[in-house]
Amino acid sequence: MAPENPEAWYDLATTQAGLGKSNEALQSLGKALGLSAQRLAKQPKAPDLRKMAATNQSFASLHNRPEFQKLVAQQ
């Protein structure tokens, strides 16, 4: 319903991670963080989902994966 909404993709990623669908979660999180970065470029006071993801325990199962580390390290 809101394909350009970073929070929608972020929420999907947390759900997928909770269901053990790591690859899907990483793809959704990548989309969320990309959209969040675009929004931050226009609205610097918007929430930074990259920072949130780095500490979100919903992604605990992904924290050690190189793909996750790459996503949250991007600036």
Protein backbone atom coordinates (compact mmCIF):
# COMPACT_ATOMS: atom_id res chain seq x y z
CA MET A 1 0.00 0.00 0.00
CA ALA A 2 2.93 2.34 0.65
CA PRO A 3 5.85 1.03 -1.41
CA GLU A 4 7.92 4.15 -0.80
CA ASN A 5 7.42 4.20 2.98
CA PRO A 6 10.66 3.20 4.72
CA GLU A 7 8.89 2.26 7.95
CA ALA A 8 6.64 -0.19 6.12
CA TRP A 9 9.68 -1.99 4.70
CA TYR A 10 11.43 -1.84 8.09
CA ASP A 11 8.41 -3.40 9.80
CA LEU A 12 8.26 -6.09 7.14
CA ALA A 13 11.96 -6.82 7.74
CA THR A 14 11.44 -7.19 11.50
CA THR A 15 8.55 -9.58 10.88
CA GLN A 16 10.56 -11.62 8.40
CA ALA A 17 13.52 -11.78 10.78
CA GLY A 18 11.20 -12.97 13.55
CA LEU A 19 9.92 -15.73 11.28
CA GLY A 20 13.46 -16.86 10.50
CA LYS A 21 13.34 -15.61 6.91
CA SER A 22 16.79 -14.05 7.03
CA ASN A 23 17.35 -13.51 3.31
CA GLU A 24 13.97 -11.87 2.85
CA ALA A 25 14.52 -9.75 5.97
CA LEU A 26 17.85 -8.51 4.64
CA GLN A 27 16.28 -7.57 1.30
CA SER A 28 13.42 -5.71 2.97
CA LEU A 29 15.80 -4.00 5.37
CA GLY A 30 18.00 -2.92 2.48
CA LYS A 31 14.98 -1.34 0.79
CA ALA A 32 13.95 0.35 4.06
CA LEU A 33 17.39 1.78 4.67
CA GLY A 34 17.72 3.01 1.10
CA LEU A 35 14.39 4.81 1.30
CA SER A 36 15.29 6.16 4.73
CA ALA A 37 18.56 7.60 3.39
CA GLN A 38 16.71 9.28 0.52
CA ARG A 39 14.25 10.80 2.96
CA LEU A 40 17.04 11.96 5.29
CA ALA A 41 18.66 13.80 2.40
CA LYS A 42 15.48 15.87 2.05
CA GLN A 43 14.34 15.84 5.69
CA PRO A 44 17.37 15.72 8.03
CA LYS A 45 15.17 15.48 11.14
CA ALA A 46 13.39 12.32 9.95
CA PRO A 47 14.11 9.08 11.85
CA ASP A 48 17.33 7.36 10.77
CA LEU A 49 16.33 3.73 10.33
CA ARG A 50 19.94 2.67 9.78
CA LYS A 51 20.84 3.69 13.33
CA MET A 52 17.70 2.05 14.66
CA ALA A 53 18.42 -1.22 12.86
CA ALA A 54 21.92 -1.44 14.29
CA THR A 55 20.53 -1.77 17.82
CA ASN A 56 17.12 -3.33 17.18
CA GLN A 57 16.92 -6.70 18.93
CA SER A 58 14.40 -7.88 16.34
CA PHE A 59 17.42 -8.25 14.06
CA ALA A 60 19.54 -10.13 16.64
CA SER A 61 19.63 -13.22 14.43
CA LEU A 62 21.10 -11.09 11.62
CA HIS A 63 23.64 -9.03 13.59
CA ASN A 64 26.59 -11.33 12.79
CA ARG A 65 25.82 -11.67 9.09
CA PRO A 66 28.14 -9.70 6.81
CA GLU A 67 25.18 -8.50 4.75
CA PHE A 68 23.58 -6.96 7.84
CA GLN A 69 26.85 -5.37 8.94
CA LYS A 70 27.25 -3.82 5.50
CA LEU A 71 23.72 -2.41 5.55
CA VAL A 72 24.01 -0.75 8.94
CA ALA A 73 27.54 0.54 8.25
CA GLN A 74 26.54 2.52 5.15
CA GLN A 75 26.41 6.26 5.59
